[in-house]
Amino acid sequence: MAELPDITVWQGDITTLAVDAIVNAANRSLLGGGGVDGAIHRAAGPGLLEECRGIGGCPTGEARITAGHLLPARHVIHAVGPVWQGGDQGEDELLASAYRSSLRLALRHGLSTIAFPAISTGIYGFPPERAAGIAVNSIQNNGLGLAITLVAFDPRTALILEGALA
């Protein structure tokens, strides 16, 4: 029987966490953007952008891993979630796939601690309550003993994530 992951909710700035990996809610280019993506790129420094240029992008629903550069986290896992288009364009499965792909990368690289933002809930417009349920379900079924932190930038998101865990 697989070990269930240790999941906690934390409110704050994901770029300050000293974990094995933080997950970036990235766009397909992996070259930075707004929200958490821009914050991670700024905090990691120019080395992250240079490394991402060498990757050549990432399809929606998948993830890629890089070094953490100037971040306290050793790695950044860049997960590309879907843009919300009303819910009938496969958004739920693409979001779940982005979480599962991130977890597979963490396990493949021998990581034990990982922090996730609320992928796709910012500018991509995914409904936060729906996204939180998908995130928790994807992590609970695929975490395999990882210590996982769900990071909320604001109190409202923290409550939504805590509700999804309950």
C-alpha atoms as a PDB file:
ATOM      1  CA  MET A   1       0.000   0.000   0.000  1.00  0.00           C
ATOM      2  CA  ALA A   2       1.375   3.420  -0.966  1.00  0.00           C
ATOM      3  CA  GLU A   3       2.062   5.858   1.849  1.00  0.00           C
ATOM      4  CA  LEU A   4      -0.226   8.886   1.852  1.00  0.00           C
ATOM      5  CA  PRO A   5       1.546  12.207   1.514  1.00  0.00           C
ATOM      6  CA  ASP A   6       1.924  14.683   4.362  1.00  0.00           C
ATOM      7  CA  ILE A   7      -0.034  17.724   3.136  1.00  0.00           C
ATOM      8  CA  THR A   8      -0.114  21.124   4.802  1.00  0.00           C
ATOM      9  CA  VAL A   9      -1.474  24.522   3.796  1.00  0.00           C
ATOM     10  CA  TRP A  10       0.747  27.558   4.271  1.00  0.00           C
ATOM     11  CA  GLN A  11      -0.012  31.183   3.474  1.00  0.00           C
ATOM     12  CA  GLY A  12       2.870  33.302   2.242  1.00  0.00           C
ATOM     13  CA  ASP A  13       5.451  33.821  -0.480  1.00  0.00           C
ATOM     14  CA  ILE A  14       6.405  30.531  -2.165  1.00  0.00           C
ATOM     15  CA  THR A  15       9.795  31.975  -3.178  1.00  0.00           C
ATOM     16  CA  THR A  16      10.903  32.027   0.480  1.00  0.00           C
ATOM     17  CA  LEU A  17      10.460  28.298   1.147  1.00  0.00           C
ATOM     18  CA  ALA A  18      13.544  26.149   1.695  1.00  0.00           C
ATOM     19  CA  VAL A  19      12.172  22.907   0.247  1.00  0.00           C
ATOM     20  CA  ASP A  20      13.520  20.459  -2.306  1.00  0.00           C
ATOM     21  CA  ALA A  21      11.275  21.995  -4.982  1.00  0.00           C
ATOM     22  CA  ILE A  22       8.761  24.755  -5.426  1.00  0.00           C
ATOM     23  CA  VAL A  23       6.291  24.421  -8.248  1.00  0.00           C
ATOM     24  CA  ASN A  24       5.938  27.307 -10.652  1.00  0.00           C
ATOM     25  CA  ALA A  25       2.525  27.947 -12.206  1.00  0.00           C
ATOM     26  CA  ALA A  26       4.265  28.458 -15.528  1.00  0.00           C
ATOM     27  CA  ASN A  27       3.160  29.355 -19.010  1.00  0.00           C
ATOM     28  CA  ARG A  28       4.061  27.130 -21.974  1.00  0.00           C
ATOM     29  CA  SER A  29       7.158  29.154 -22.889  1.00  0.00           C
ATOM     30  CA  LEU A  30       8.646  28.725 -19.363  1.00  0.00           C
ATOM     31  CA  LEU A  31      10.191  32.178 -19.850  1.00  0.00           C
ATOM     32  CA  GLY A  32       8.399  33.963 -17.016  1.00  0.00           C
ATOM     33  CA  GLY A  33       5.202  35.931 -16.837  1.00  0.00           C
ATOM     34  CA  GLY A  34       2.968  37.474 -14.210  1.00  0.00           C
ATOM     35  CA  GLY A  35       1.832  36.309 -10.802  1.00  0.00           C
ATOM     36  CA  VAL A  36       3.737  33.486  -9.137  1.00  0.00           C
ATOM     37  CA  ASP A  37       5.613  32.780 -12.389  1.00  0.00           C
ATOM     38  CA  GLY A  38       7.084  36.290 -12.490  1.00  0.00           C
ATOM     39  CA  ALA A  39       7.820  36.257  -8.755  1.00  0.00           C
ATOM     40  CA  ILE A  40       9.745  32.977  -9.030  1.00  0.00           C
ATOM     41  CA  HIS A  41      11.749  34.174 -12.017  1.00  0.00           C
ATOM     42  CA  ARG A  42      12.634  37.463 -10.265  1.00  0.00           C
ATOM     43  CA  ALA A  43      13.651  35.729  -7.027  1.00  0.00           C
ATOM     44  CA  ALA A  44      15.664  32.993  -8.786  1.00  0.00           C
ATOM     45  CA  GLY A  45      17.677  35.468 -10.853  1.00  0.00           C
ATOM     46  CA  PRO A  46      18.767  35.418 -14.488  1.00  0.00           C
ATOM     47  CA  GLY A  47      20.159  31.872 -14.328  1.00  0.00           C
ATOM     48  CA  LEU A  48      16.627  30.452 -14.205  1.00  0.00           C
ATOM     49  CA  LEU A  49      15.586  32.249 -17.383  1.00  0.00           C
ATOM     50  CA  GLU A  50      18.738  31.052 -19.125  1.00  0.00           C
ATOM     51  CA  GLU A  51      18.111  27.437 -18.072  1.00  0.00           C
ATOM     52  CA  CYS A  52      14.455  27.657 -19.145  1.00  0.00           C
ATOM     53  CA  ARG A  53      15.473  28.958 -22.579  1.00  0.00           C
ATOM     54  CA  GLY A  54      17.378  25.700 -23.089  1.00  0.00           C
ATOM     55  CA  ILE A  55      14.297  23.577 -22.346  1.00  0.00           C
ATOM     56  CA  GLY A  56      12.216  24.869 -25.241  1.00  0.00           C
ATOM     57  CA  GLY A  57       8.845  25.168 -23.518  1.00  0.00           C
ATOM     58  CA  CYS A  58       6.372  22.719 -22.042  1.00  0.00           C
ATOM     59  CA  PRO A  59       2.890  21.573 -23.142  1.00  0.00           C
ATOM     60  CA  THR A  60      -0.163  22.274 -20.992  1.00  0.00           C
ATOM     61  CA  GLY A  61      -0.677  19.527 -18.414  1.00  0.00           C
ATOM     62  CA  GLU A  62       3.035  18.676 -18.183  1.00  0.00           C
ATOM     63  CA  ALA A  63       5.958  19.872 -16.081  1.00  0.00           C
ATOM     64  CA  ARG A  64       9.716  20.403 -16.382  1.00  0.00           C
ATOM     65  CA  ILE A  65      12.381  20.707 -13.665  1.00  0.00           C
ATOM     66  CA  THR A  66      15.252  23.170 -13.286  1.00  0.00           C
ATOM     67  CA  ALA A  67      17.690  24.194 -10.592  1.00  0.00           C
ATOM     68  CA  GLY A  68      16.475  26.709  -8.013  1.00  0.00           C
ATOM     69  CA  HIS A  69      19.315  29.138  -8.742  1.00  0.00           C
ATOM     70  CA  LEU A  70      19.087  31.979  -6.165  1.00  0.00           C
ATOM     71  CA  LEU A  71      15.982  30.563  -4.456  1.00  0.00           C
ATOM     72  CA  PRO A  72      16.171  28.751  -1.105  1.00  0.00           C
ATOM     73  CA  ALA A  73      14.485  25.803  -2.898  1.00  0.00           C
ATOM     74  CA  ARG A  74      16.936  23.460  -4.628  1.00  0.00           C
ATOM     75  CA  HIS A  75      14.692  23.014  -7.683  1.00  0.00           C
ATOM     76  CA  VAL A  76      11.816  24.638  -9.528  1.00  0.00           C
ATOM     77  CA  ILE A  77       9.238  22.391 -11.149  1.00  0.00           C
ATOM     78  CA  HIS A  78       7.487  24.357 -13.881  1.00  0.00           C
ATOM     79  CA  ALA A  79       3.915  23.052 -14.220  1.00  0.00           C
ATOM     80  CA  VAL A  80       1.753  24.366 -17.047  1.00  0.00           C
ATOM     81  CA  GLY A  81      -1.898  24.419 -16.085  1.00  0.00           C
ATOM     82  CA  PRO A  82      -4.799  25.141 -18.411  1.00  0.00           C
ATOM     83  CA  VAL A  83      -6.489  28.438 -19.118  1.00  0.00           C
ATOM     84  CA  TRP A  84     -10.125  28.194 -17.946  1.00  0.00           C
ATOM     85  CA  GLN A  85     -12.492  28.116 -20.923  1.00  0.00           C
ATOM     86  CA  GLY A  86     -15.723  27.251 -19.167  1.00  0.00           C
ATOM     87  CA  GLY A  87     -14.950  23.712 -18.021  1.00  0.00           C
ATOM     88  CA  ASP A  88     -15.796  21.702 -21.113  1.00  0.00           C
ATOM     89  CA  GLN A  89     -12.396  21.833 -22.841  1.00  0.00           C
ATOM     90  CA  GLY A  90     -10.620  19.217 -20.693  1.00  0.00           C
ATOM     91  CA  GLU A  91      -9.429  21.761 -18.145  1.00  0.00           C
ATOM     92  CA  ASP A  92      -9.960  19.484 -15.124  1.00  0.00           C
ATOM     93  CA  GLU A  93      -7.849  16.665 -16.579  1.00  0.00           C
ATOM     94  CA  LEU A  94      -5.137  19.058 -17.771  1.00  0.00           C
ATOM     95  CA  LEU A  95      -4.890  20.594 -14.294  1.00  0.00           C
ATOM     96  CA  ALA A  96      -4.738  17.163 -12.635  1.00  0.00           C
ATOM     97  CA  SER A  97      -2.094  16.141 -15.158  1.00  0.00           C
ATOM     98  CA  ALA A  98       0.044  19.194 -14.288  1.00  0.00           C
ATOM     99  CA  TYR A  99      -0.018  18.180 -10.594  1.00  0.00           C
ATOM    100  CA  ARG A 100       0.710  14.500 -11.372  1.00  0.00           C
ATOM    101  CA  SER A 101       3.541  15.399 -13.756  1.00  0.00           C
ATOM    102  CA  SER A 102       5.092  17.585 -11.032  1.00  0.00           C
ATOM    103  CA  LEU A 103       4.900  14.755  -8.506  1.00  0.00           C
ATOM    104  CA  ARG A 104       6.475  12.291 -10.959  1.00  0.00           C
ATOM    105  CA  LEU A 105       9.390  14.673 -11.518  1.00  0.00           C
ATOM    106  CA  ALA A 106       9.858  15.118  -7.764  1.00  0.00           C
ATOM    107  CA  LEU A 107       9.937  11.359  -7.214  1.00  0.00           C
ATOM    108  CA  ARG A 108      12.198  10.743 -10.234  1.00  0.00           C
ATOM    109  CA  HIS A 109      14.705  13.251  -8.822  1.00  0.00           C
ATOM    110  CA  GLY A 110      14.588  11.797  -5.300  1.00  0.00           C
ATOM    111  CA  LEU A 111      12.965  14.842  -3.732  1.00  0.00           C
ATOM    112  CA  SER A 112      11.072  14.622  -0.456  1.00  0.00           C
ATOM    113  CA  THR A 113       9.587  18.105   0.053  1.00  0.00           C
ATOM    114  CA  ILE A 114       7.603  20.067  -2.529  1.00  0.00           C
ATOM    115  CA  ALA A 115       5.481  23.228  -2.417  1.00  0.00           C
ATOM    116  CA  PHE A 116       2.639  23.910  -4.860  1.00  0.00           C
ATOM    117  CA  PRO A 117       0.896  27.202  -5.595  1.00  0.00           C
ATOM    118  CA  ALA A 118      -2.747  27.204  -6.671  1.00  0.00           C
ATOM    119  CA  ILE A 119      -1.997  26.389 -10.323  1.00  0.00           C
ATOM    120  CA  SER A 120      -4.182  28.094 -12.974  1.00  0.00           C
ATOM    121  CA  THR A 121      -6.280  30.084 -10.469  1.00  0.00           C
ATOM    122  CA  GLY A 122      -4.738  33.487 -11.164  1.00  0.00           C
ATOM    123  CA  ILE A 123      -4.732  35.062 -14.591  1.00  0.00           C
ATOM    124  CA  TYR A 124      -5.685  31.675 -16.121  1.00  0.00           C
ATOM    125  CA  GLY A 125      -9.084  32.032 -14.416  1.00  0.00           C
ATOM    126  CA  PHE A 126      -9.640  28.470 -13.123  1.00  0.00           C
ATOM    127  CA  PRO A 127     -12.320  28.600 -10.367  1.00  0.00           C
ATOM    128  CA  PRO A 128     -10.340  28.344  -7.092  1.00  0.00           C
ATOM    129  CA  GLU A 129     -12.690  25.915  -5.303  1.00  0.00           C
ATOM    130  CA  ARG A 130     -12.750  23.550  -8.262  1.00  0.00           C
ATOM    131  CA  ALA A 131      -8.965  23.806  -8.707  1.00  0.00           C
ATOM    132  CA  ALA A 132      -8.352  23.107  -5.001  1.00  0.00           C
ATOM    133  CA  GLY A 133     -10.395  19.900  -5.149  1.00  0.00           C
ATOM    134  CA  ILE A 134      -8.490  18.731  -8.215  1.00  0.00           C
ATOM    135  CA  ALA A 135      -5.148  19.600  -6.598  1.00  0.00           C
ATOM    136  CA  VAL A 136      -5.886  17.730  -3.367  1.00  0.00           C
ATOM    137  CA  ASN A 137      -7.278  14.694  -5.195  1.00  0.00           C
ATOM    138  CA  SER A 138      -4.270  14.539  -7.536  1.00  0.00           C
ATOM    139  CA  ILE A 139      -1.801  14.859  -4.665  1.00  0.00           C
ATOM    140  CA  GLN A 140      -3.540  12.416  -2.321  1.00  0.00           C
ATOM    141  CA  ASN A 141      -3.646   9.738  -4.999  1.00  0.00           C
ATOM    142  CA  ASN A 142      -0.108  10.240  -6.260  1.00  0.00           C
ATOM    143  CA  GLY A 143       2.012  11.756  -3.479  1.00  0.00           C
ATOM    144  CA  LEU A 144       3.786   8.550  -2.421  1.00  0.00           C
ATOM    145  CA  GLY A 145       5.048   9.869   0.895  1.00  0.00           C
ATOM    146  CA  LEU A 146       6.226  13.304  -0.192  1.00  0.00           C
ATOM    147  CA  ALA A 147       5.883  16.161   2.296  1.00  0.00           C
ATOM    148  CA  ILE A 148       3.687  18.572   0.333  1.00  0.00           C
ATOM    149  CA  THR A 149       2.901  22.196   1.096  1.00  0.00           C
ATOM    150  CA  LEU A 150      -0.020  23.865  -0.647  1.00  0.00           C
ATOM    151  CA  VAL A 151       0.900  27.537  -0.722  1.00  0.00           C
ATOM    152  CA  ALA A 152      -1.745  30.240  -0.632  1.00  0.00           C
ATOM    153  CA  PHE A 153      -0.778  33.788  -1.457  1.00  0.00           C
ATOM    154  CA  ASP A 154      -3.806  35.218   0.388  1.00  0.00           C
ATOM    155  CA  PRO A 155      -6.177  34.262   3.238  1.00  0.00           C
ATOM    156  CA  ARG A 156      -9.086  33.432   0.889  1.00  0.00           C
ATOM    157  CA  THR A 157      -7.005  30.881  -1.018  1.00  0.00           C
ATOM    158  CA  ALA A 158      -5.733  29.398   2.253  1.00  0.00           C
ATOM    159  CA  LEU A 159      -9.330  28.830   3.402  1.00  0.00           C
ATOM    160  CA  ILE A 160     -10.259  27.251   0.070  1.00  0.00           C
ATOM    161  CA  LEU A 161      -7.253  24.886   0.207  1.00  0.00           C
ATOM    162  CA  GLU A 162      -7.925  23.969   3.851  1.00  0.00           C
ATOM    163  CA  GLY A 163     -11.551  23.237   2.950  1.00  0.00           C
ATOM    164  CA  ALA A 164     -10.464  20.971   0.089  1.00  0.00           C
ATOM    165  CA  LEU A 165      -8.168  19.044   2.450  1.00  0.00           C
ATOM    166  CA  ALA A 166     -10.970  18.581   4.974  1.00  0.00           C
END
